[in-house]
Amino acid sequence: MKDAIQFAIGGIKCDNPTCDYMDQSVELKDYSNWLNKPCPKCGSNLLTQADYDNVKAIVELADIMNKSIGPVADDNPTSTATVRMNGTGKVEIEIGE
């Protein structure tokens, strides 16, 4: 049995579209340490309050849904979604297979 909604949130990237700074070693539990910190490469914000609030809301929603739905069988069909944020508070979701 597994949670109906599982997620892998991690890593941090610069919100500046011309900067390629990324640190995939950052864990979700450490995101608050990156809030409003400047990018070491270009100085732009690495994690805005708006994006941080969205991440917390996504995690809370998944927890509520998992409690409501309960565990599902390991062989239950799955699908994936990629969530992208850019510092503005706007959330883009791409549904996968």
PDB file of N, CA and C in Angstrom:
ATOM      1  N   MET A   1       0.844  -1.176   0.000  1.00  0.00           N
ATOM      2  CA  MET A   1       0.000   0.000   0.000  1.00  0.00           C
ATOM      3  C   MET A   1       0.896   1.249   0.000  1.00  0.00           C
ATOM      4  N   LYS A   2       0.370   2.301  -0.611  1.00  0.00           N
ATOM      5  CA  LYS A   2       1.123   3.554  -0.710  1.00  0.00           C
ATOM      6  C   LYS A   2       0.156   4.726  -0.637  1.00  0.00           C
ATOM      7  N   ASP A   3       0.704   5.919  -0.395  1.00  0.00           N
ATOM      8  CA  ASP A   3      -0.112   7.128  -0.438  1.00  0.00           C
ATOM      9  C   ASP A   3      -0.636   7.324  -1.841  1.00  0.00           C
ATOM     10  N   ALA A   4      -1.859   7.814  -1.952  1.00  0.00           N
ATOM     11  CA  ALA A   4      -2.445   8.066  -3.267  1.00  0.00           C
ATOM     12  C   ALA A   4      -1.671   9.156  -4.005  1.00  0.00           C
ATOM     13  N   ILE A   5      -1.243  10.164  -3.273  1.00  0.00           N
ATOM     14  CA  ILE A   5      -0.474  11.256  -3.881  1.00  0.00           C
ATOM     15  C   ILE A   5       0.919  11.238  -3.291  1.00  0.00           C
ATOM     16  N   GLN A   6       1.886  11.045  -4.149  1.00  0.00           N
ATOM     17  CA  GLN A   6       3.283  11.053  -3.742  1.00  0.00           C
ATOM     18  C   GLN A   6       3.980  12.170  -4.501  1.00  0.00           C
ATOM     19  N   PHE A   7       4.934  12.791  -3.876  1.00  0.00           N
ATOM     20  CA  PHE A   7       5.634  13.865  -4.559  1.00  0.00           C
ATOM     21  C   PHE A   7       7.109  13.852  -4.221  1.00  0.00           C
ATOM     22  N   ALA A   8       7.877  14.404  -5.125  1.00  0.00           N
ATOM     23  CA  ALA A   8       9.316  14.557  -4.925  1.00  0.00           C
ATOM     24  C   ALA A   8       9.622  16.024  -5.184  1.00  0.00           C
ATOM     25  N   ILE A   9       9.743  16.778  -4.108  1.00  0.00           N
ATOM     26  CA  ILE A   9      10.044  18.198  -4.230  1.00  0.00           C
ATOM     27  C   ILE A   9      11.460  18.402  -3.707  1.00  0.00           C
ATOM     28  N   GLY A  10      12.274  19.034  -4.513  1.00  0.00           N
ATOM     29  CA  GLY A  10      13.636  19.290  -4.090  1.00  0.00           C
ATOM     30  C   GLY A  10      14.379  20.094  -5.120  1.00  0.00           C
ATOM     31  N   GLY A  11      15.526  20.559  -4.738  1.00  0.00           N
ATOM     32  CA  GLY A  11      16.336  21.381  -5.614  1.00  0.00           C
ATOM     33  C   GLY A  11      15.869  22.822  -5.593  1.00  0.00           C
ATOM     34  N   ILE A  12      16.752  23.691  -5.989  1.00  0.00           N
ATOM     35  CA  ILE A  12      16.436  25.120  -6.069  1.00  0.00           C
ATOM     36  C   ILE A  12      17.106  25.671  -7.307  1.00  0.00           C
ATOM     37  N   LYS A  13      16.414  26.598  -7.975  1.00  0.00           N
ATOM     38  CA  LYS A  13      16.983  27.212  -9.168  1.00  0.00           C
ATOM     39  C   LYS A  13      16.742  28.706  -9.112  1.00  0.00           C
ATOM     40  N   CYS A  14      17.583  29.425  -9.813  1.00  0.00           N
ATOM     41  CA  CYS A  14      17.449  30.872  -9.872  1.00  0.00           C
ATOM     42  C   CYS A  14      16.209  31.228 -10.690  1.00  0.00           C
ATOM     43  N   ASP A  15      15.480  32.254 -10.253  1.00  0.00           N
ATOM     44  CA  ASP A  15      14.284  32.703 -10.973  1.00  0.00           C
ATOM     45  C   ASP A  15      14.610  33.559 -12.190  1.00  0.00           C
ATOM     46  N   ASN A  16      15.845  34.015 -12.300  1.00  0.00           N
ATOM     47  CA  ASN A  16      16.251  34.822 -13.445  1.00  0.00           C
ATOM     48  C   ASN A  16      16.338  33.922 -14.681  1.00  0.00           C
ATOM     49  N   PRO A  17      15.542  34.216 -15.722  1.00  0.00           N
ATOM     50  CA  PRO A  17      15.530  33.341 -16.903  1.00  0.00           C
ATOM     51  C   PRO A  17      16.849  33.295 -17.669  1.00  0.00           C
ATOM     52  N   THR A  18      17.746  34.257 -17.429  1.00  0.00           N
ATOM     53  CA  THR A  18      19.036  34.248 -18.127  1.00  0.00           C
ATOM     54  C   THR A  18      20.142  33.603 -17.292  1.00  0.00           C
ATOM     55  N   CYS A  19      19.804  33.155 -16.088  1.00  0.00           N
ATOM     56  CA  CYS A  19      20.790  32.525 -15.202  1.00  0.00           C
ATOM     57  C   CYS A  19      20.519  31.031 -15.148  1.00  0.00           C
ATOM     58  N   ASP A  20      21.581  30.249 -15.138  1.00  0.00           N
ATOM     59  CA  ASP A  20      21.414  28.795 -15.109  1.00  0.00           C
ATOM     60  C   ASP A  20      21.777  28.177 -13.758  1.00  0.00           C
ATOM     61  N   TYR A  21      21.847  29.002 -12.692  1.00  0.00           N
ATOM     62  CA  TYR A  21      22.199  28.455 -11.387  1.00  0.00           C
ATOM     63  C   TYR A  21      21.121  27.490 -10.900  1.00  0.00           C
ATOM     64  N   MET A  22      21.580  26.348 -10.397  1.00  0.00           N
ATOM     65  CA  MET A  22      20.693  25.321  -9.870  1.00  0.00           C
ATOM     66  C   MET A  22      21.465  24.511  -8.834  1.00  0.00           C
ATOM     67  N   ASP A  23      20.789  24.125  -7.763  1.00  0.00           N
ATOM     68  CA  ASP A  23      21.380  23.256  -6.754  1.00  0.00           C
ATOM     69  C   ASP A  23      20.367  22.168  -6.438  1.00  0.00           C
ATOM     70  N   GLN A  24      20.555  21.003  -7.019  1.00  0.00           N
ATOM     71  CA  GLN A  24      19.618  19.892  -6.860  1.00  0.00           C
ATOM     72  C   GLN A  24      19.744  19.198  -5.504  1.00  0.00           C
ATOM     73  N   SER A  25      20.742  19.564  -4.703  1.00  0.00           N
ATOM     74  CA  SER A  25      20.926  18.910  -3.405  1.00  0.00           C
ATOM     75  C   SER A  25      20.026  19.500  -2.317  1.00  0.00           C
ATOM     76  N   VAL A  26      19.364  20.618  -2.579  1.00  0.00           N
ATOM     77  CA  VAL A  26      18.510  21.263  -1.580  1.00  0.00           C
ATOM     78  C   VAL A  26      17.251  20.420  -1.372  1.00  0.00           C
ATOM     79  N   GLU A  27      16.964  20.101  -0.116  1.00  0.00           N
ATOM     80  CA  GLU A  27      15.794  19.294   0.225  1.00  0.00           C
ATOM     81  C   GLU A  27      14.632  20.190   0.631  1.00  0.00           C
ATOM     82  N   LEU A  28      13.421  19.673   0.447  1.00  0.00           N
ATOM     83  CA  LEU A  28      12.210  20.410   0.788  1.00  0.00           C
ATOM     84  C   LEU A  28      12.261  20.947   2.219  1.00  0.00           C
ATOM     85  N   LYS A  29      12.723  20.149   3.149  1.00  0.00           N
ATOM     86  CA  LYS A  29      12.755  20.560   4.554  1.00  0.00           C
ATOM     87  C   LYS A  29      13.663  21.766   4.786  1.00  0.00           C
ATOM     88  N   ASP A  30      14.543  22.067   3.835  1.00  0.00           N
ATOM     89  CA  ASP A  30      15.466  23.187   3.982  1.00  0.00           C
ATOM     90  C   ASP A  30      15.060  24.417   3.173  1.00  0.00           C
ATOM     91  N   TYR A  31      13.899  24.379   2.515  1.00  0.00           N
ATOM     92  CA  TYR A  31      13.503  25.502   1.664  1.00  0.00           C
ATOM     93  C   TYR A  31      13.435  26.825   2.423  1.00  0.00           C
ATOM     94  N   SER A  32      12.991  26.813   3.663  1.00  0.00           N
ATOM     95  CA  SER A  32      12.882  28.076   4.410  1.00  0.00           C
ATOM     96  C   SER A  32      14.237  28.775   4.539  1.00  0.00           C
ATOM     97  N   ASN A  33      15.325  28.004   4.509  1.00  0.00           N
ATOM     98  CA  ASN A  33      16.672  28.598   4.590  1.00  0.00           C
ATOM     99  C   ASN A  33      17.034  29.362   3.315  1.00  0.00           C
ATOM    100  N   TRP A  34      16.329  29.112   2.224  1.00  0.00           N
ATOM    101  CA  TRP A  34      16.628  29.725   0.935  1.00  0.00           C
ATOM    102  C   TRP A  34      15.687  30.877   0.600  1.00  0.00           C
ATOM    103  N   LEU A  35      14.724  31.131   1.455  1.00  0.00           N
ATOM    104  CA  LEU A  35      13.728  32.162   1.217  1.00  0.00           C
ATOM    105  C   LEU A  35      14.373  33.541   1.080  1.00  0.00           C
ATOM    106  N   ASN A  36      14.130  34.172  -0.068  1.00  0.00           N
ATOM    107  CA  ASN A  36      14.630  35.521  -0.382  1.00  0.00           C
ATOM    108  C   ASN A  36      16.154  35.640  -0.346  1.00  0.00           C
ATOM    109  N   LYS A  37      16.845  34.549  -0.581  1.00  0.00           N
ATOM    110  CA  LYS A  37      18.308  34.570  -0.651  1.00  0.00           C
ATOM    111  C   LYS A  37      18.741  34.894  -2.080  1.00  0.00           C
ATOM    112  N   PRO A  38      19.838  35.632  -2.225  1.00  0.00           N
ATOM    113  CA  PRO A  38      20.313  35.975  -3.571  1.00  0.00           C
ATOM    114  C   PRO A  38      21.036  34.803  -4.233  1.00  0.00           C
ATOM    115  N   CYS A  39      20.872  34.719  -5.522  1.00  0.00           N
ATOM    116  CA  CYS A  39      21.584  33.721  -6.308  1.00  0.00           C
ATOM    117  C   CYS A  39      23.080  33.999  -6.214  1.00  0.00           C
ATOM    118  N   PRO A  40      23.889  32.978  -5.933  1.00  0.00           N
ATOM    119  CA  PRO A  40      25.333  33.194  -5.846  1.00  0.00           C
ATOM    120  C   PRO A  40      25.960  33.546  -7.199  1.00  0.00           C
ATOM    121  N   LYS A  41      25.228  33.291  -8.272  1.00  0.00           N
ATOM    122  CA  LYS A  41      25.770  33.550  -9.601  1.00  0.00           C
ATOM    123  C   LYS A  41      25.379  34.936 -10.129  1.00  0.00           C
ATOM    124  N   CYS A  42      24.086  35.343  -9.956  1.00  0.00           N
ATOM    125  CA  CYS A  42      23.640  36.608 -10.555  1.00  0.00           C
ATOM    126  C   CYS A  42      23.004  37.579  -9.565  1.00  0.00           C
ATOM    127  N   GLY A  43      22.699  37.126  -8.348  1.00  0.00           N
ATOM    128  CA  GLY A  43      22.127  38.008  -7.338  1.00  0.00           C
ATOM    129  C   GLY A  43      20.604  38.041  -7.305  1.00  0.00           C
ATOM    130  N   SER A  44      19.927  37.431  -8.282  1.00  0.00           N
ATOM    131  CA  SER A  44      18.459  37.400  -8.281  1.00  0.00           C
ATOM    132  C   SER A  44      17.959  36.517  -7.144  1.00  0.00           C
ATOM    133  N   ASN A  45      16.678  36.652  -6.840  1.00  0.00           N
ATOM    134  CA  ASN A  45      16.065  35.883  -5.771  1.00  0.00           C
ATOM    135  C   ASN A  45      16.011  34.397  -6.134  1.00  0.00           C
ATOM    136  N   LEU A  46      16.373  33.544  -5.184  1.00  0.00           N
ATOM    137  CA  LEU A  46      16.325  32.100  -5.416  1.00  0.00           C
ATOM    138  C   LEU A  46      14.973  31.501  -5.056  1.00  0.00           C
ATOM    139  N   LEU A  47      14.302  32.025  -4.038  1.00  0.00           N
ATOM    140  CA  LEU A  47      13.001  31.499  -3.629  1.00  0.00           C
ATOM    141  C   LEU A  47      12.179  32.642  -3.048  1.00  0.00           C
ATOM    142  N   THR A  48      11.163  33.056  -3.787  1.00  0.00           N
ATOM    143  CA  THR A  48      10.301  34.139  -3.323  1.00  0.00           C
ATOM    144  C   THR A  48       9.290  33.624  -2.307  1.00  0.00           C
ATOM    145  N   GLN A  49       8.742  34.536  -1.526  1.00  0.00           N
ATOM    146  CA  GLN A  49       7.715  34.164  -0.557  1.00  0.00           C
ATOM    147  C   GLN A  49       6.518  33.547  -1.266  1.00  0.00           C
ATOM    148  N   ALA A  50       6.147  34.098  -2.434  1.00  0.00           N
ATOM    149  CA  ALA A  50       4.994  33.581  -3.188  1.00  0.00           C
ATOM    150  C   ALA A  50       5.208  32.122  -3.594  1.00  0.00           C
ATOM    151  N   ASP A  51       6.391  31.805  -4.114  1.00  0.00           N
ATOM    152  CA  ASP A  51       6.667  30.424  -4.522  1.00  0.00           C
ATOM    153  C   ASP A  51       6.757  29.501  -3.305  1.00  0.00           C
ATOM    154  N   TYR A  52       7.364  29.976  -2.238  1.00  0.00           N
ATOM    155  CA  TYR A  52       7.465  29.178  -1.014  1.00  0.00           C
ATOM    156  C   TYR A  52       6.072  28.870  -0.465  1.00  0.00           C
ATOM    157  N   ASP A  53       5.189  29.869  -0.463  1.00  0.00           N
ATOM    158  CA  ASP A  53       3.816  29.658  -0.002  1.00  0.00           C
ATOM    159  C   ASP A  53       3.109  28.630  -0.877  1.00  0.00           C
ATOM    160  N   ASN A  54       3.348  28.674  -2.179  1.00  0.00           N
ATOM    161  CA  ASN A  54       2.739  27.693  -3.088  1.00  0.00           C
ATOM    162  C   ASN A  54       3.236  26.286  -2.812  1.00  0.00           C
ATOM    163  N   VAL A  55       4.520  26.142  -2.564  1.00  0.00           N
ATOM    164  CA  VAL A  55       5.075  24.819  -2.245  1.00  0.00           C
ATOM    165  C   VAL A  55       4.423  24.279  -0.973  1.00  0.00           C
ATOM    166  N   LYS A  56       4.327  25.122   0.054  1.00  0.00           N
ATOM    167  CA  LYS A  56       3.701  24.682   1.306  1.00  0.00           C
ATOM    168  C   LYS A  56       2.240  24.290   1.078  1.00  0.00           C
ATOM    169  N   ALA A  57       1.527  25.036   0.228  1.00  0.00           N
ATOM    170  CA  ALA A  57       0.119  24.721  -0.058  1.00  0.00           C
ATOM    171  C   ALA A  57      -0.010  23.398  -0.798  1.00  0.00           C
ATOM    172  N   ILE A  58       0.892  23.133  -1.733  1.00  0.00           N
ATOM    173  CA  ILE A  58       0.868  21.868  -2.473  1.00  0.00           C
ATOM    174  C   ILE A  58       1.094  20.693  -1.530  1.00  0.00           C
ATOM    175  N   VAL A  59       2.052  20.825  -0.636  1.00  0.00           N
ATOM    176  CA  VAL A  59       2.345  19.754   0.322  1.00  0.00           C
ATOM    177  C   VAL A  59       1.150  19.544   1.258  1.00  0.00           C
ATOM    178  N   GLU A  60       0.561  20.629   1.737  1.00  0.00           N
ATOM    179  CA  GLU A  60      -0.588  20.526   2.640  1.00  0.00           C
ATOM    180  C   GLU A  60      -1.785  19.890   1.934  1.00  0.00           C
ATOM    181  N   LEU A  61      -2.032  20.291   0.702  1.00  0.00           N
ATOM    182  CA  LEU A  61      -3.135  19.714  -0.068  1.00  0.00           C
ATOM    183  C   LEU A  61      -2.932  18.204  -0.280  1.00  0.00           C
ATOM    184  N   ALA A  62      -1.711  17.813  -0.628  1.00  0.00           N
ATOM    185  CA  ALA A  62      -1.420  16.387  -0.819  1.00  0.00           C
ATOM    186  C   ALA A  62      -1.640  15.620   0.478  1.00  0.00           C
ATOM    187  N   ASP A  63      -1.226  16.190   1.599  1.00  0.00           N
ATOM    188  CA  ASP A  63      -1.425  15.521   2.892  1.00  0.00           C
ATOM    189  C   ASP A  63      -2.911  15.355   3.211  1.00  0.00           C
ATOM    190  N   ILE A  64      -3.705  16.404   2.962  1.00  0.00           N
ATOM    191  CA  ILE A  64      -5.142  16.339   3.221  1.00  0.00           C
ATOM    192  C   ILE A  64      -5.788  15.283   2.335  1.00  0.00           C
ATOM    193  N   MET A  65      -5.427  15.290   1.053  1.00  0.00           N
ATOM    194  CA  MET A  65      -6.011  14.316   0.126  1.00  0.00           C
ATOM    195  C   MET A  65      -5.613  12.896   0.494  1.00  0.00           C
ATOM    196  N   ASN A  66      -4.363  12.687   0.892  1.00  0.00           N
ATOM    197  CA  ASN A  66      -3.930  11.344   1.283  1.00  0.00           C
ATOM    198  C   ASN A  66      -4.682  10.851   2.517  1.00  0.00           C
ATOM    199  N   LYS A  67      -4.952  11.746   3.453  1.00  0.00           N
ATOM    200  CA  LYS A  67      -5.718  11.357   4.637  1.00  0.00           C
ATOM    201  C   LYS A  67      -7.157  11.028   4.269  1.00  0.00           C
ATOM    202  N   SER A  68      -7.710  11.770   3.315  1.00  0.00           N
ATOM    203  CA  SER A  68      -9.094  11.542   2.892  1.00  0.00           C
ATOM    204  C   SER A  68      -9.238  10.267   2.073  1.00  0.00           C
ATOM    205  N   ILE A  69      -8.315  10.051   1.150  1.00  0.00           N
ATOM    206  CA  ILE A  69      -8.380   8.904   0.242  1.00  0.00           C
ATOM    207  C   ILE A  69      -7.938   7.627   0.938  1.00  0.00           C
ATOM    208  N   GLY A  70      -6.920   7.730   1.754  1.00  0.00           N
ATOM    209  CA  GLY A  70      -6.341   6.560   2.395  1.00  0.00           C
ATOM    210  C   GLY A  70      -5.352   5.886   1.457  1.00  0.00           C
ATOM    211  N   PRO A  71      -4.670   4.860   1.926  1.00  0.00           N
ATOM    212  CA  PRO A  71      -3.681   4.168   1.100  1.00  0.00           C
ATOM    213  C   PRO A  71      -4.314   3.493  -0.110  1.00  0.00           C
ATOM    214  N   VAL A  72      -3.535   3.380  -1.162  1.00  0.00           N
ATOM    215  CA  VAL A  72      -3.965   2.683  -2.375  1.00  0.00           C
ATOM    216  C   VAL A  72      -2.997   1.529  -2.630  1.00  0.00           C
ATOM    217  N   ALA A  73      -3.441   0.578  -3.423  1.00  0.00           N
ATOM    218  CA  ALA A  73      -2.601  -0.583  -3.741  1.00  0.00           C
ATOM    219  C   ALA A  73      -1.358  -0.137  -4.507  1.00  0.00           C
ATOM    220  N   ASP A  74      -0.270  -0.843  -4.274  1.00  0.00           N
ATOM    221  CA  ASP A  74       0.988  -0.507  -4.945  1.00  0.00           C
ATOM    222  C   ASP A  74       0.869  -0.562  -6.461  1.00  0.00           C
ATOM    223  N   ASP A  75      -0.011  -1.415  -6.971  1.00  0.00           N
ATOM    224  CA  ASP A  75      -0.152  -1.538  -8.424  1.00  0.00           C
ATOM    225  C   ASP A  75      -1.236  -0.616  -8.987  1.00  0.00           C
ATOM    226  N   ASN A  76      -1.729   0.305  -8.183  1.00  0.00           N
ATOM    227  CA  ASN A  76      -2.725   1.268  -8.647  1.00  0.00           C
ATOM    228  C   ASN A  76      -2.124   2.100  -9.786  1.00  0.00           C
ATOM    229  N   PRO A  77      -2.885   2.368 -10.843  1.00  0.00           N
ATOM    230  CA  PRO A  77      -2.338   3.177 -11.955  1.00  0.00           C
ATOM    231  C   PRO A  77      -1.845   4.541 -11.459  1.00  0.00           C
ATOM    232  N   THR A  78      -0.770   5.015 -12.063  1.00  0.00           N
ATOM    233  CA  THR A  78      -0.186   6.286 -11.652  1.00  0.00           C
ATOM    234  C   THR A  78      -0.063   7.243 -12.833  1.00  0.00           C
ATOM    235  N   SER A  79       0.067   8.484 -12.510  1.00  0.00           N
ATOM    236  CA  SER A  79       0.407   9.499 -13.500  1.00  0.00           C
ATOM    237  C   SER A  79       1.337  10.489 -12.815  1.00  0.00           C
ATOM    238  N   THR A  80       1.983  11.318 -13.590  1.00  0.00           N
ATOM    239  CA  THR A  80       2.935  12.273 -13.032  1.00  0.00           C
ATOM    240  C   THR A  80       2.545  13.690 -13.435  1.00  0.00           C
ATOM    241  N   ALA A  81       3.053  14.634 -12.692  1.00  0.00           N
ATOM    242  CA  ALA A  81       2.871  16.043 -13.018  1.00  0.00           C
ATOM    243  C   ALA A  81       4.143  16.771 -12.619  1.00  0.00           C
ATOM    244  N   THR A  82       4.540  17.715 -13.440  1.00  0.00           N
ATOM    245  CA  THR A  82       5.678  18.572 -13.130  1.00  0.00           C
ATOM    246  C   THR A  82       5.139  19.957 -12.821  1.00  0.00           C
ATOM    247  N   VAL A  83       5.566  20.512 -11.698  1.00  0.00           N
ATOM    248  CA  VAL A  83       5.124  21.834 -11.274  1.00  0.00           C
ATOM    249  C   VAL A  83       6.299  22.792 -11.409  1.00  0.00           C
ATOM    250  N   ARG A  84       6.065  23.897 -12.105  1.00  0.00           N
ATOM    251  CA  ARG A  84       7.104  24.896 -12.301  1.00  0.00           C
ATOM    252  C   ARG A  84       6.650  26.238 -11.729  1.00  0.00           C
ATOM    253  N   MET A  85       7.596  26.932 -11.109  1.00  0.00           N
ATOM    254  CA  MET A  85       7.346  28.271 -10.570  1.00  0.00           C
ATOM    255  C   MET A  85       8.493  29.166 -10.997  1.00  0.00           C
ATOM    256  N   ASN A  86       8.224  30.472 -11.075  1.00  0.00           N
ATOM    257  CA  ASN A  86       9.265  31.384 -11.547  1.00  0.00           C
ATOM    258  C   ASN A  86       9.468  32.609 -10.662  1.00  0.00           C
ATOM    259  N   GLY A  87       8.996  32.553  -9.439  1.00  0.00           N
ATOM    260  CA  GLY A  87       9.189  33.665  -8.522  1.00  0.00           C
ATOM    261  C   GLY A  87       8.019  34.629  -8.456  1.00  0.00           C
ATOM    262  N   THR A  88       7.077  34.520  -9.375  1.00  0.00           N
ATOM    263  CA  THR A  88       5.948  35.451  -9.430  1.00  0.00           C
ATOM    264  C   THR A  88       4.742  34.963  -8.644  1.00  0.00           C
ATOM    265  N   GLY A  89       4.762  33.714  -8.209  1.00  0.00           N
ATOM    266  CA  GLY A  89       3.608  33.114  -7.558  1.00  0.00           C
ATOM    267  C   GLY A  89       2.753  32.342  -8.543  1.00  0.00           C
ATOM    268  N   LYS A  90       3.044  32.469  -9.837  1.00  0.00           N
ATOM    269  CA  LYS A  90       2.320  31.724 -10.854  1.00  0.00           C
ATOM    270  C   LYS A  90       2.825  30.282 -10.862  1.00  0.00           C
ATOM    271  N   VAL A  91       1.883  29.345 -10.948  1.00  0.00           N
ATOM    272  CA  VAL A  91       2.216  27.922 -10.943  1.00  0.00           C
ATOM    273  C   VAL A  91       1.828  27.341 -12.291  1.00  0.00           C
ATOM    274  N   GLU A  92       2.768  26.649 -12.934  1.00  0.00           N
ATOM    275  CA  GLU A  92       2.493  25.941 -14.182  1.00  0.00           C
ATOM    276  C   GLU A  92       2.584  24.460 -13.894  1.00  0.00           C
ATOM    277  N   ILE A  93       1.567  23.719 -14.312  1.00  0.00           N
ATOM    278  CA  ILE A  93       1.532  22.278 -14.083  1.00  0.00           C
ATOM    279  C   ILE A  93       1.480  21.582 -15.432  1.00  0.00           C
ATOM    280  N   GLU A  94       2.396  20.662 -15.618  1.00  0.00           N
ATOM    281  CA  GLU A  94       2.440  19.846 -16.830  1.00  0.00           C
ATOM    282  C   GLU A  94       2.128  18.415 -16.441  1.00  0.00           C
ATOM    283  N   ILE A  95       1.033  17.898 -16.967  1.00  0.00           N
ATOM    284  CA  ILE A  95       0.610  16.533 -16.661  1.00  0.00           C
ATOM    285  C   ILE A  95       1.337  15.568 -17.575  1.00  0.00           C
ATOM    286  N   GLY A  96       1.936  14.544 -16.976  1.00  0.00           N
ATOM    287  CA  GLY A  96       2.661  13.524 -17.740  1.00  0.00           C
ATOM    288  C   GLY A  96       1.854  12.266 -17.874  1.00  0.00           C
ATOM    289  N   GLU A  97       2.537  11.206 -18.197  1.00  0.00           N
ATOM    290  CA  GLU A  97       1.888   9.885 -18.366  1.00  0.00           C
ATOM    291  C   GLU A  97       1.708   9.225 -17.021  1.00  0.00           C
TER     292      GLU A  97
END
